[in-house]
């Protein structure tokens, strides 16, 4: 994926598209996602809603470099459904997205080329109808420090608009937060001006 100016492209809200060929209908649904745990929940909902459909094929990519991805043909000939759907994710240069294409069989076989074209086109229609946005790349970091530095560290994190996830204050204190990738080096420099402060990235 092209990472430009520390941003990535994704869709803002769910979108739909469809394609018809020789009586078969291909209904495509695109969803913004940022965790793999969301995938099965959405797939289960689609399968229940369209339980009379022959196939529920899908592809997804998660992570600003698409570190996590998968595609599934759900009974269609290998390489004719999930891979063309994933190809549209690459073509639109987006991530953090799940696309499900539901097929209602029309009684006429489309052949390998016909299936590839159908799933590709349906997925593409959903993405054409989606609002594609740019988001700042965030990374997750852990900061370990002595209690005496608490106020100073809180001030710095607020200054850099860090999103605090968890915090623990004891003999050794710990804060886990998200920060913009573009701000990481400068934030690290500020924090390391204090003694016994350890900063580590959790997304690597």
N, C-alpha and C. Protein backbone atom coordinates (compact mmCIF):
# COMPACT_ATOMS: atom_id res chain seq x y z
N UNK A 1 0.84 -1.20 0.00
CA UNK A 1 0.00 0.00 0.00
C UNK A 1 0.87 1.25 0.00
N UNK A 2 0.42 2.26 -0.70
CA UNK A 2 1.15 3.52 -0.72
C UNK A 2 0.88 4.30 0.56
N UNK A 3 1.92 4.49 1.37
CA UNK A 3 1.78 5.26 2.60
C UNK A 3 2.32 6.66 2.33
N UNK A 4 1.44 7.61 2.23
CA UNK A 4 1.81 8.97 1.86
C UNK A 4 1.42 9.93 2.97
N UNK A 5 2.42 10.73 3.39
CA UNK A 5 2.16 11.74 4.42
C UNK A 5 1.56 11.13 5.68
N UNK A 6 1.94 9.88 5.97
CA UNK A 6 1.51 9.21 7.19
C UNK A 6 0.00 9.06 7.30
N UNK A 7 -0.66 8.85 6.17
CA UNK A 7 -2.10 8.58 6.16
C UNK A 7 -2.37 7.32 5.35
N UNK A 8 -3.53 6.73 5.58
CA UNK A 8 -3.96 5.59 4.77
C UNK A 8 -5.39 5.84 4.31
N UNK A 9 -5.82 5.11 3.29
CA UNK A 9 -7.15 5.27 2.72
C UNK A 9 -8.05 4.13 3.17
N UNK A 10 -9.29 4.47 3.52
CA UNK A 10 -10.28 3.46 3.89
C UNK A 10 -11.66 4.00 3.55
N UNK A 11 -12.70 3.22 3.85
CA UNK A 11 -14.06 3.72 3.61
C UNK A 11 -14.64 4.23 4.93
N UNK A 12 -15.45 5.27 4.83
CA UNK A 12 -15.99 5.92 6.02
C UNK A 12 -17.19 5.17 6.60
N UNK A 13 -18.05 4.64 5.72
CA UNK A 13 -19.29 3.98 6.15
C UNK A 13 -19.55 2.78 5.23
N UNK A 14 -20.43 1.87 5.63
CA UNK A 14 -20.77 0.73 4.75
C UNK A 14 -21.34 1.21 3.42
N UNK A 15 -21.10 0.39 2.39
CA UNK A 15 -21.61 0.72 1.04
C UNK A 15 -22.00 -0.58 0.34
N UNK A 16 -22.84 -0.45 -0.69
CA UNK A 16 -23.33 -1.62 -1.41
C UNK A 16 -23.19 -1.45 -2.92
N UNK A 17 -23.17 -2.57 -3.62
CA UNK A 17 -23.14 -2.58 -5.07
C UNK A 17 -23.71 -3.89 -5.57
N UNK A 18 -23.99 -4.01 -6.85
CA UNK A 18 -24.50 -5.28 -7.36
C UNK A 18 -24.14 -5.45 -8.83
N UNK A 19 -24.24 -6.71 -9.27
CA UNK A 19 -23.93 -7.06 -10.66
C UNK A 19 -24.80 -8.24 -11.04
N UNK A 20 -25.29 -8.25 -12.28
CA UNK A 20 -26.13 -9.36 -12.75
C UNK A 20 -25.55 -9.93 -14.04
N UNK A 21 -25.62 -11.26 -14.17
CA UNK A 21 -25.15 -11.91 -15.39
C UNK A 21 -25.86 -13.25 -15.55
N UNK A 22 -26.56 -13.42 -16.65
CA UNK A 22 -27.24 -14.68 -17.00
C UNK A 22 -28.11 -15.20 -15.86
N UNK A 23 -28.83 -14.31 -15.25
CA UNK A 23 -29.75 -14.69 -14.19
C UNK A 23 -29.15 -14.71 -12.79
N UNK A 24 -27.84 -14.79 -12.68
CA UNK A 24 -27.19 -14.76 -11.36
C UNK A 24 -27.09 -13.32 -10.87
N UNK A 25 -27.34 -13.16 -9.57
CA UNK A 25 -27.22 -11.83 -8.96
C UNK A 25 -26.08 -11.86 -7.95
N UNK A 26 -25.26 -10.82 -8.00
CA UNK A 26 -24.13 -10.69 -7.09
C UNK A 26 -24.32 -9.40 -6.28
N UNK A 27 -24.59 -9.55 -5.00
CA UNK A 27 -24.80 -8.40 -4.12
C UNK A 27 -23.54 -8.18 -3.30
N UNK A 28 -22.97 -7.00 -3.38
CA UNK A 28 -21.71 -6.71 -2.70
C UNK A 28 -21.93 -5.73 -1.55
N UNK A 29 -21.25 -6.01 -0.45
CA UNK A 29 -21.35 -5.18 0.75
C UNK A 29 -19.94 -4.88 1.27
N UNK A 30 -19.63 -3.61 1.41
CA UNK A 30 -18.32 -3.18 1.92
C UNK A 30 -18.50 -2.57 3.31
N UNK A 31 -17.62 -2.97 4.23
CA UNK A 31 -17.71 -2.50 5.62
C UNK A 31 -16.34 -1.98 6.08
N UNK A 32 -16.33 -0.85 6.80
CA UNK A 32 -15.08 -0.43 7.43
C UNK A 32 -14.83 -1.30 8.67
N UNK A 33 -13.62 -1.82 8.82
CA UNK A 33 -13.24 -2.64 9.98
C UNK A 33 -11.82 -2.27 10.39
N UNK A 34 -11.50 -2.49 11.65
CA UNK A 34 -10.11 -2.28 12.08
C UNK A 34 -9.58 -3.40 12.95
N UNK A 35 -10.41 -4.43 13.17
CA UNK A 35 -9.97 -5.59 13.95
C UNK A 35 -10.52 -6.86 13.30
N UNK A 36 -9.72 -7.93 13.34
CA UNK A 36 -10.17 -9.19 12.77
C UNK A 36 -11.39 -9.74 13.49
N UNK A 37 -11.53 -9.40 14.78
CA UNK A 37 -12.67 -9.89 15.55
C UNK A 37 -14.01 -9.43 14.96
N UNK A 38 -14.00 -8.32 14.24
CA UNK A 38 -15.23 -7.80 13.65
C UNK A 38 -15.68 -8.63 12.44
N UNK A 39 -14.73 -9.30 11.80
CA UNK A 39 -15.01 -9.98 10.54
C UNK A 39 -16.08 -11.06 10.70
N UNK A 40 -15.88 -11.98 11.66
CA UNK A 40 -16.81 -13.09 11.82
C UNK A 40 -18.21 -12.62 12.21
N UNK A 41 -18.28 -11.56 13.01
CA UNK A 41 -19.58 -11.02 13.41
C UNK A 41 -20.36 -10.52 12.19
N UNK A 42 -19.67 -9.79 11.32
CA UNK A 42 -20.32 -9.27 10.11
C UNK A 42 -20.68 -10.41 9.16
N UNK A 43 -19.77 -11.36 8.98
CA UNK A 43 -20.04 -12.49 8.09
C UNK A 43 -21.25 -13.29 8.56
N UNK A 44 -21.33 -13.51 9.86
CA UNK A 44 -22.47 -14.27 10.39
C UNK A 44 -23.78 -13.53 10.13
N UNK A 45 -23.74 -12.22 10.28
CA UNK A 45 -24.95 -11.43 10.05
C UNK A 45 -25.38 -11.49 8.58
N UNK A 46 -24.41 -11.40 7.67
CA UNK A 46 -24.71 -11.47 6.24
C UNK A 46 -25.25 -12.85 5.87
N UNK A 47 -24.63 -13.89 6.40
CA UNK A 47 -25.08 -15.25 6.10
C UNK A 47 -26.50 -15.50 6.59
N UNK A 48 -26.84 -14.95 7.74
CA UNK A 48 -28.19 -15.12 8.27
C UNK A 48 -29.20 -14.30 7.45
N UNK A 49 -28.80 -13.10 7.07
CA UNK A 49 -29.70 -12.22 6.32
C UNK A 49 -29.95 -12.74 4.91
N UNK A 50 -28.93 -13.38 4.32
CA UNK A 50 -29.04 -13.90 2.95
C UNK A 50 -28.79 -15.41 2.96
N UNK A 51 -29.49 -16.10 3.84
CA UNK A 51 -29.27 -17.53 4.02
C UNK A 51 -29.69 -18.36 2.81
N UNK A 52 -30.55 -17.79 1.95
CA UNK A 52 -30.99 -18.53 0.77
C UNK A 52 -30.04 -18.36 -0.42
N UNK A 53 -28.97 -17.60 -0.24
CA UNK A 53 -28.00 -17.41 -1.31
C UNK A 53 -27.08 -18.63 -1.41
N UNK A 54 -26.53 -18.86 -2.60
CA UNK A 54 -25.66 -20.02 -2.84
C UNK A 54 -24.26 -19.82 -2.23
N UNK A 55 -23.72 -18.62 -2.33
CA UNK A 55 -22.35 -18.37 -1.86
C UNK A 55 -22.27 -17.03 -1.14
N UNK A 56 -21.37 -16.97 -0.16
CA UNK A 56 -21.07 -15.73 0.57
C UNK A 56 -19.55 -15.57 0.56
N UNK A 57 -19.02 -15.00 -0.49
CA UNK A 57 -17.58 -14.90 -0.67
C UNK A 57 -17.09 -13.55 -0.12
N UNK A 58 -15.83 -13.51 0.29
CA UNK A 58 -15.36 -12.27 0.92
C UNK A 58 -13.85 -12.10 0.82
N UNK A 59 -13.43 -10.90 1.13
CA UNK A 59 -12.01 -10.57 1.25
C UNK A 59 -11.90 -9.39 2.22
N UNK A 60 -10.78 -9.34 2.93
CA UNK A 60 -10.57 -8.19 3.82
C UNK A 60 -9.09 -7.86 3.92
N UNK A 61 -8.81 -6.64 4.35
CA UNK A 61 -7.45 -6.18 4.63
C UNK A 61 -7.50 -5.29 5.85
N UNK A 62 -6.55 -5.49 6.75
CA UNK A 62 -6.48 -4.71 7.98
C UNK A 62 -5.03 -4.30 8.21
N UNK A 63 -4.84 -3.08 8.68
CA UNK A 63 -3.51 -2.54 8.92
C UNK A 63 -3.12 -1.58 7.81
N UNK A 64 -2.38 -0.52 8.17
CA UNK A 64 -2.12 0.51 7.16
C UNK A 64 -1.23 0.01 6.03
N UNK A 65 -0.56 -1.12 6.21
CA UNK A 65 0.17 -1.76 5.12
C UNK A 65 -0.49 -3.09 4.74
N UNK A 66 -1.73 -3.25 5.11
CA UNK A 66 -2.50 -4.48 4.89
C UNK A 66 -1.76 -5.70 5.45
N UNK A 67 -1.26 -5.55 6.68
CA UNK A 67 -0.51 -6.64 7.30
C UNK A 67 -1.37 -7.90 7.47
N UNK A 68 -2.65 -7.71 7.69
CA UNK A 68 -3.56 -8.85 7.84
C UNK A 68 -4.56 -8.83 6.68
N UNK A 69 -4.63 -9.93 5.96
CA UNK A 69 -5.58 -10.00 4.85
C UNK A 69 -5.97 -11.45 4.62
N UNK A 70 -7.12 -11.61 3.97
CA UNK A 70 -7.58 -12.96 3.64
C UNK A 70 -8.67 -12.86 2.59
N UNK A 71 -8.79 -13.90 1.77
CA UNK A 71 -9.92 -13.97 0.85
C UNK A 71 -10.44 -15.40 0.82
N UNK A 72 -11.74 -15.55 0.55
CA UNK A 72 -12.41 -16.84 0.67
C UNK A 72 -13.41 -17.02 -0.47
N UNK A 73 -13.35 -18.18 -1.13
CA UNK A 73 -14.22 -18.45 -2.28
C UNK A 73 -15.57 -19.05 -1.89
N UNK A 74 -15.70 -19.53 -0.67
CA UNK A 74 -16.95 -20.11 -0.15
C UNK A 74 -17.63 -21.05 -1.16
N UNK A 75 -16.86 -22.01 -1.66
CA UNK A 75 -17.45 -23.03 -2.52
C UNK A 75 -17.36 -22.77 -4.01
N UNK A 76 -17.04 -21.54 -4.39
CA UNK A 76 -16.84 -21.25 -5.81
C UNK A 76 -15.49 -21.86 -6.23
N UNK A 77 -15.27 -22.08 -7.53
CA UNK A 77 -13.97 -22.61 -7.97
C UNK A 77 -12.82 -21.74 -7.46
N UNK A 78 -11.74 -22.40 -7.06
CA UNK A 78 -10.61 -21.70 -6.45
C UNK A 78 -10.12 -20.53 -7.30
N UNK A 79 -10.00 -19.38 -6.67
CA UNK A 79 -9.47 -18.19 -7.34
C UNK A 79 -10.47 -17.38 -8.13
N UNK A 80 -11.76 -17.79 -8.11
CA UNK A 80 -12.74 -17.07 -8.95
C UNK A 80 -13.56 -16.03 -8.18
N UNK A 81 -13.45 -16.01 -6.85
CA UNK A 81 -14.31 -15.12 -6.07
C UNK A 81 -13.52 -14.26 -5.08
N UNK A 82 -12.95 -14.89 -4.06
CA UNK A 82 -12.26 -14.12 -3.03
C UNK A 82 -11.10 -13.30 -3.56
N UNK A 83 -10.30 -13.91 -4.45
CA UNK A 83 -9.14 -13.19 -4.98
C UNK A 83 -9.53 -11.98 -5.83
N UNK A 84 -10.52 -12.09 -6.73
CA UNK A 84 -10.96 -10.89 -7.46
C UNK A 84 -11.53 -9.80 -6.54
N UNK A 85 -12.19 -10.22 -5.47
CA UNK A 85 -12.70 -9.23 -4.52
C UNK A 85 -11.52 -8.50 -3.87
N UNK A 86 -10.52 -9.28 -3.43
CA UNK A 86 -9.34 -8.68 -2.81
C UNK A 86 -8.61 -7.78 -3.81
N UNK A 87 -8.63 -8.18 -5.07
CA UNK A 87 -8.01 -7.36 -6.10
C UNK A 87 -8.59 -5.96 -6.18
N UNK A 88 -9.88 -5.83 -5.89
CA UNK A 88 -10.50 -4.50 -5.89
C UNK A 88 -10.04 -3.66 -4.69
N UNK A 89 -9.78 -4.32 -3.57
CA UNK A 89 -9.22 -3.61 -2.41
C UNK A 89 -7.87 -3.02 -2.80
N UNK A 90 -7.06 -3.81 -3.50
CA UNK A 90 -5.76 -3.32 -3.96
C UNK A 90 -5.92 -2.22 -5.00
N UNK A 91 -6.86 -2.42 -5.93
CA UNK A 91 -7.06 -1.46 -7.01
C UNK A 91 -7.47 -0.09 -6.49
N UNK A 92 -8.32 -0.08 -5.46
CA UNK A 92 -8.77 1.18 -4.87
C UNK A 92 -7.79 1.72 -3.83
N UNK A 93 -6.72 0.95 -3.58
CA UNK A 93 -5.65 1.34 -2.65
C UNK A 93 -6.21 1.71 -1.28
N UNK A 94 -7.01 0.78 -0.72
CA UNK A 94 -7.61 1.01 0.59
C UNK A 94 -7.26 -0.12 1.54
N UNK A 95 -7.54 0.06 2.80
CA UNK A 95 -7.34 -0.97 3.80
C UNK A 95 -8.40 -0.79 4.89
N UNK A 96 -8.31 -1.63 5.92
CA UNK A 96 -9.32 -1.63 6.99
C UNK A 96 -10.72 -1.73 6.40
N UNK A 97 -10.89 -2.75 5.56
CA UNK A 97 -12.16 -2.93 4.86
C UNK A 97 -12.46 -4.42 4.69
N UNK A 98 -13.73 -4.76 4.77
CA UNK A 98 -14.23 -6.10 4.47
C UNK A 98 -15.25 -5.97 3.35
N UNK A 99 -15.11 -6.82 2.33
CA UNK A 99 -16.11 -6.85 1.25
C UNK A 99 -16.67 -8.26 1.16
N UNK A 100 -17.99 -8.36 1.24
CA UNK A 100 -18.69 -9.63 1.11
C UNK A 100 -19.55 -9.56 -0.15
N UNK A 101 -19.44 -10.58 -1.00
CA UNK A 101 -20.28 -10.65 -2.19
C UNK A 101 -21.15 -11.89 -2.10
N UNK A 102 -22.46 -11.68 -2.09
CA UNK A 102 -23.45 -12.75 -1.97
C UNK A 102 -23.95 -13.10 -3.37
N UNK A 103 -23.94 -14.40 -3.71
CA UNK A 103 -24.39 -14.79 -5.05
C UNK A 103 -25.67 -15.62 -4.99
N UNK A 104 -26.64 -15.18 -5.79
CA UNK A 104 -27.84 -15.96 -6.05
C UNK A 104 -27.69 -16.58 -7.43
N UNK A 105 -27.64 -17.89 -7.48
CA UNK A 105 -27.38 -18.61 -8.74
C UNK A 105 -28.60 -18.52 -9.66
N UNK A 106 -28.34 -18.18 -10.92
CA UNK A 106 -29.43 -18.00 -11.88
C UNK A 106 -29.71 -19.19 -12.77
N UNK A 107 -28.99 -20.30 -12.54
CA UNK A 107 -29.27 -21.51 -13.32
C UNK A 107 -28.34 -21.73 -14.48
N UNK A 108 -27.54 -20.72 -14.83
CA UNK A 108 -26.61 -20.86 -15.94
C UNK A 108 -25.18 -20.69 -15.43
N UNK A 109 -24.31 -21.65 -15.75
CA UNK A 109 -22.92 -21.56 -15.33
C UNK A 109 -22.22 -20.43 -16.07
N UNK A 110 -21.41 -19.68 -15.34
CA UNK A 110 -20.74 -18.52 -15.93
C UNK A 110 -19.32 -18.84 -16.40
N UNK A 111 -18.78 -19.97 -15.95
CA UNK A 111 -17.41 -20.29 -16.30
C UNK A 111 -16.43 -19.50 -15.45
N UNK A 112 -15.18 -19.92 -15.47
CA UNK A 112 -14.15 -19.28 -14.63
C UNK A 112 -14.03 -17.79 -14.91
N UNK A 113 -13.90 -17.43 -16.19
CA UNK A 113 -13.75 -16.02 -16.53
C UNK A 113 -14.97 -15.20 -16.15
N UNK A 114 -16.14 -15.77 -16.34
CA UNK A 114 -17.38 -15.06 -16.00
C UNK A 114 -17.50 -14.82 -14.51
N UNK A 115 -17.11 -15.81 -13.71
CA UNK A 115 -17.17 -15.65 -12.26
C UNK A 115 -16.19 -14.58 -11.78
N UNK A 116 -14.97 -14.64 -12.29
CA UNK A 116 -13.97 -13.64 -11.90
C UNK A 116 -14.47 -12.24 -12.21
N UNK A 117 -15.00 -12.06 -13.40
CA UNK A 117 -15.51 -10.74 -13.80
C UNK A 117 -16.67 -10.30 -12.92
N UNK A 118 -17.56 -11.24 -12.59
CA UNK A 118 -18.74 -10.92 -11.78
C UNK A 118 -18.36 -10.48 -10.38
N UNK A 119 -17.51 -11.24 -9.72
CA UNK A 119 -17.11 -10.89 -8.34
C UNK A 119 -16.28 -9.61 -8.31
N UNK A 120 -15.42 -9.46 -9.31
CA UNK A 120 -14.62 -8.24 -9.40
C UNK A 120 -15.52 -7.02 -9.59
N UNK A 121 -16.46 -7.12 -10.51
CA UNK A 121 -17.32 -5.98 -10.82
C UNK A 121 -18.23 -5.63 -9.64
N UNK A 122 -18.81 -6.64 -9.01
CA UNK A 122 -19.70 -6.38 -7.87
C UNK A 122 -18.95 -5.68 -6.74
N UNK A 123 -17.76 -6.19 -6.41
CA UNK A 123 -16.96 -5.56 -5.35
C UNK A 123 -16.59 -4.14 -5.73
N UNK A 124 -16.23 -3.95 -7.00
CA UNK A 124 -15.88 -2.61 -7.47
C UNK A 124 -17.03 -1.63 -7.38
N UNK A 125 -18.24 -2.11 -7.67
CA UNK A 125 -19.42 -1.24 -7.58
C UNK A 125 -19.66 -0.78 -6.14
N UNK A 126 -19.46 -1.69 -5.18
CA UNK A 126 -19.63 -1.32 -3.78
C UNK A 126 -18.62 -0.23 -3.39
N UNK A 127 -17.39 -0.38 -3.84
CA UNK A 127 -16.37 0.61 -3.50
C UNK A 127 -16.57 1.92 -4.23
N UNK A 128 -17.12 1.87 -5.45
CA UNK A 128 -17.45 3.11 -6.16
C UNK A 128 -18.52 3.90 -5.40
N UNK A 129 -19.39 3.18 -4.72
CA UNK A 129 -20.47 3.83 -3.97
C UNK A 129 -20.05 4.23 -2.56
N UNK A 130 -18.83 3.88 -2.18
CA UNK A 130 -18.36 4.16 -0.82
C UNK A 130 -17.69 5.53 -0.76
N UNK A 131 -17.74 6.12 0.41
CA UNK A 131 -16.99 7.36 0.67
C UNK A 131 -15.60 6.97 1.14
N UNK A 132 -14.61 7.20 0.30
CA UNK A 132 -13.23 6.85 0.65
C UNK A 132 -12.56 8.06 1.30
N UNK A 133 -11.96 7.82 2.45
CA UNK A 133 -11.37 8.91 3.23
C UNK A 133 -9.92 8.57 3.58
N UNK A 134 -9.16 9.59 3.93
CA UNK A 134 -7.80 9.40 4.41
C UNK A 134 -7.79 9.56 5.93
N UNK A 135 -7.09 8.66 6.60
CA UNK A 135 -6.98 8.73 8.05
C UNK A 135 -5.51 8.72 8.46
N UNK A 136 -5.23 9.38 9.56
CA UNK A 136 -3.86 9.42 10.05
C UNK A 136 -3.45 8.05 10.59
N UNK A 137 -2.25 7.62 10.24
CA UNK A 137 -1.75 6.35 10.76
C UNK A 137 -1.41 6.51 12.22
N UNK A 138 -1.97 5.63 13.05
CA UNK A 138 -1.69 5.64 14.48
C UNK A 138 -0.92 4.38 14.86
N UNK A 139 -0.03 4.51 15.82
CA UNK A 139 0.70 3.37 16.35
C UNK A 139 0.45 3.28 17.85
N UNK A 140 0.59 2.08 18.38
CA UNK A 140 0.36 1.86 19.81
C UNK A 140 1.70 1.78 20.52
N UNK A 141 1.86 2.53 21.60
CA UNK A 141 3.11 2.54 22.34
C UNK A 141 2.88 2.31 23.83
N UNK A 142 3.92 1.82 24.48
CA UNK A 142 3.89 1.64 25.94
C UNK A 142 4.99 2.50 26.55
N UNK A 143 4.61 3.24 27.58
CA UNK A 143 5.58 4.10 28.29
C UNK A 143 5.68 3.62 29.72
N UNK A 144 6.88 3.27 30.14
CA UNK A 144 7.13 2.84 31.52
C UNK A 144 7.98 3.91 32.19
N UNK A 145 7.58 4.31 33.42
CA UNK A 145 8.25 5.45 34.05
C UNK A 145 8.06 5.41 35.57
N UNK A 146 8.81 6.26 36.24
CA UNK A 146 8.68 6.40 37.69
C UNK A 146 7.54 7.37 38.00
N UNK A 147 6.93 7.17 39.15
CA UNK A 147 5.74 7.94 39.51
C UNK A 147 6.01 9.45 39.52
N UNK A 148 7.23 9.83 39.85
CA UNK A 148 7.56 11.26 39.95
C UNK A 148 7.43 11.98 38.61
N UNK A 149 7.43 11.22 37.52
CA UNK A 149 7.31 11.83 36.19
C UNK A 149 5.86 11.92 35.70
N UNK A 150 4.91 11.48 36.51
CA UNK A 150 3.52 11.34 36.06
C UNK A 150 2.96 12.62 35.44
N UNK A 151 3.04 13.71 36.16
CA UNK A 151 2.41 14.94 35.66
C UNK A 151 3.06 15.42 34.36
N UNK A 152 4.38 15.34 34.30
CA UNK A 152 5.09 15.77 33.10
C UNK A 152 4.69 14.91 31.90
N UNK A 153 4.63 13.60 32.09
CA UNK A 153 4.28 12.70 31.00
C UNK A 153 2.84 12.93 30.55
N UNK A 154 1.92 13.11 31.49
CA UNK A 154 0.53 13.39 31.14
C UNK A 154 0.43 14.66 30.30
N UNK A 155 1.22 15.67 30.68
CA UNK A 155 1.21 16.93 29.95
C UNK A 155 1.69 16.74 28.52
N UNK A 156 2.77 15.97 28.35
CA UNK A 156 3.33 15.73 27.01
C UNK A 156 2.34 14.94 26.15
N UNK A 157 1.71 13.93 26.73
CA UNK A 157 0.76 13.12 25.96
C UNK A 157 -0.44 13.96 25.52
N UNK A 158 -0.87 14.85 26.39
CA UNK A 158 -1.98 15.74 26.03
C UNK A 158 -1.55 16.69 24.92
N UNK A 159 -0.32 17.16 24.99
CA UNK A 159 0.22 18.08 23.99
C UNK A 159 0.23 17.44 22.61
N UNK A 160 0.51 16.13 22.56
CA UNK A 160 0.58 15.41 21.29
C UNK A 160 -0.72 14.68 20.96
N UNK A 161 -1.76 14.99 21.72
CA UNK A 161 -3.11 14.44 21.48
C UNK A 161 -3.10 12.91 21.44
N UNK A 162 -2.36 12.32 22.37
CA UNK A 162 -2.31 10.86 22.46
C UNK A 162 -3.63 10.32 22.99
N UNK A 163 -4.03 9.18 22.48
CA UNK A 163 -5.25 8.51 22.94
C UNK A 163 -4.86 7.43 23.94
N UNK A 164 -5.08 7.70 25.23
CA UNK A 164 -4.67 6.77 26.29
C UNK A 164 -5.63 5.59 26.35
N UNK A 165 -5.06 4.38 26.31
CA UNK A 165 -5.86 3.16 26.34
C UNK A 165 -5.92 2.59 27.75
N UNK A 166 -4.76 2.38 28.36
CA UNK A 166 -4.71 1.90 29.75
C UNK A 166 -3.62 2.67 30.49
N UNK A 167 -3.79 2.75 31.81
CA UNK A 167 -2.77 3.40 32.63
C UNK A 167 -2.69 2.72 34.00
N UNK A 168 -1.47 2.58 34.49
CA UNK A 168 -1.23 1.93 35.78
C UNK A 168 -0.23 2.79 36.55
N UNK A 169 -0.59 3.13 37.79
CA UNK A 169 0.28 3.96 38.62
C UNK A 169 0.65 3.18 39.87
N UNK A 170 1.93 2.84 39.97
CA UNK A 170 2.44 2.05 41.10
C UNK A 170 3.89 2.47 41.30
N UNK A 171 4.69 1.58 41.88
CA UNK A 171 6.11 1.90 41.99
C UNK A 171 6.69 2.15 40.61
N UNK A 172 6.34 1.28 39.69
CA UNK A 172 6.65 1.50 38.28
C UNK A 172 5.33 1.77 37.56
N UNK A 173 5.25 2.88 36.89
CA UNK A 173 4.01 3.26 36.22
C UNK A 173 4.07 2.88 34.74
N UNK A 174 2.87 2.72 34.13
CA UNK A 174 2.81 2.31 32.74
C UNK A 174 1.59 2.93 32.07
N UNK A 175 1.80 3.47 30.91
CA UNK A 175 0.70 3.99 30.10
C UNK A 175 0.81 3.38 28.70
N UNK A 176 -0.32 2.86 28.22
CA UNK A 176 -0.40 2.39 26.84
C UNK A 176 -1.32 3.34 26.09
N UNK A 177 -0.85 3.85 24.96
CA UNK A 177 -1.64 4.84 24.24
C UNK A 177 -1.38 4.72 22.74
N UNK A 178 -2.21 5.43 21.97
CA UNK A 178 -2.04 5.52 20.52
C UNK A 178 -1.61 6.94 20.18
N UNK A 179 -0.69 7.02 19.21
CA UNK A 179 -0.17 8.31 18.80
C UNK A 179 0.02 8.30 17.29
N UNK A 180 -0.10 9.45 16.66
CA UNK A 180 0.13 9.53 15.23
C UNK A 180 1.56 9.12 14.87
N UNK A 181 1.71 8.31 13.83
CA UNK A 181 3.03 7.85 13.42
C UNK A 181 3.98 9.02 13.17
N UNK A 182 3.47 10.09 12.60
CA UNK A 182 4.31 11.24 12.27
C UNK A 182 4.83 11.96 13.51
N UNK A 183 4.20 11.70 14.67
CA UNK A 183 4.60 12.38 15.90
C UNK A 183 5.47 11.52 16.81
N UNK A 184 5.66 10.27 16.42
CA UNK A 184 6.33 9.32 17.32
C UNK A 184 7.76 9.74 17.67
N UNK A 185 8.55 10.10 16.68
CA UNK A 185 9.95 10.44 16.95
C UNK A 185 10.08 11.64 17.88
N UNK A 186 9.27 12.66 17.62
CA UNK A 186 9.34 13.87 18.46
C UNK A 186 8.84 13.59 19.87
N UNK A 187 7.76 12.83 19.98
CA UNK A 187 7.24 12.46 21.30
C UNK A 187 8.27 11.66 22.07
N UNK A 188 8.91 10.68 21.41
CA UNK A 188 9.93 9.86 22.06
C UNK A 188 11.08 10.72 22.57
N UNK A 189 11.49 11.68 21.77
CA UNK A 189 12.58 12.57 22.17
C UNK A 189 12.20 13.34 23.45
N UNK A 190 10.98 13.86 23.49
CA UNK A 190 10.53 14.62 24.67
C UNK A 190 10.51 13.74 25.92
N UNK A 191 10.02 12.52 25.76
CA UNK A 191 9.91 11.64 26.92
C UNK A 191 11.27 11.18 27.42
N UNK A 192 12.21 11.01 26.50
CA UNK A 192 13.53 10.50 26.90
C UNK A 192 14.41 11.56 27.54
N UNK A 193 13.91 12.77 27.63
CA UNK A 193 14.63 13.80 28.37
C UNK A 193 14.54 13.54 29.88
N UNK A 194 13.63 12.68 30.28
CA UNK A 194 13.48 12.31 31.69
C UNK A 194 14.19 10.99 31.95
N UNK A 195 14.69 10.81 33.16
CA UNK A 195 15.43 9.60 33.50
C UNK A 195 14.49 8.41 33.66
N UNK A 196 15.00 7.23 33.28
CA UNK A 196 14.30 5.96 33.50
C UNK A 196 12.91 5.90 32.84
N UNK A 197 12.79 6.54 31.72
CA UNK A 197 11.55 6.44 30.94
C UNK A 197 11.82 5.52 29.74
N UNK A 198 11.00 4.49 29.58
CA UNK A 198 11.17 3.53 28.50
C UNK A 198 9.95 3.61 27.57
N UNK A 199 10.21 3.79 26.28
CA UNK A 199 9.14 3.85 25.29
C UNK A 199 9.31 2.68 24.32
N UNK A 200 8.25 1.92 24.10
CA UNK A 200 8.32 0.81 23.14
C UNK A 200 7.07 0.78 22.29
N UNK A 201 7.26 0.43 21.02
CA UNK A 201 6.12 0.28 20.11
C UNK A 201 5.52 -1.11 20.25
N UNK A 202 4.19 -1.17 20.29
CA UNK A 202 3.50 -2.44 20.45
C UNK A 202 2.95 -2.96 19.14
N UNK A 203 3.06 -2.18 18.07
CA UNK A 203 2.48 -2.57 16.80
C UNK A 203 3.47 -3.28 15.89
N UNK A 204 4.68 -3.54 16.38
CA UNK A 204 5.69 -4.20 15.55
C UNK A 204 5.76 -5.67 15.88
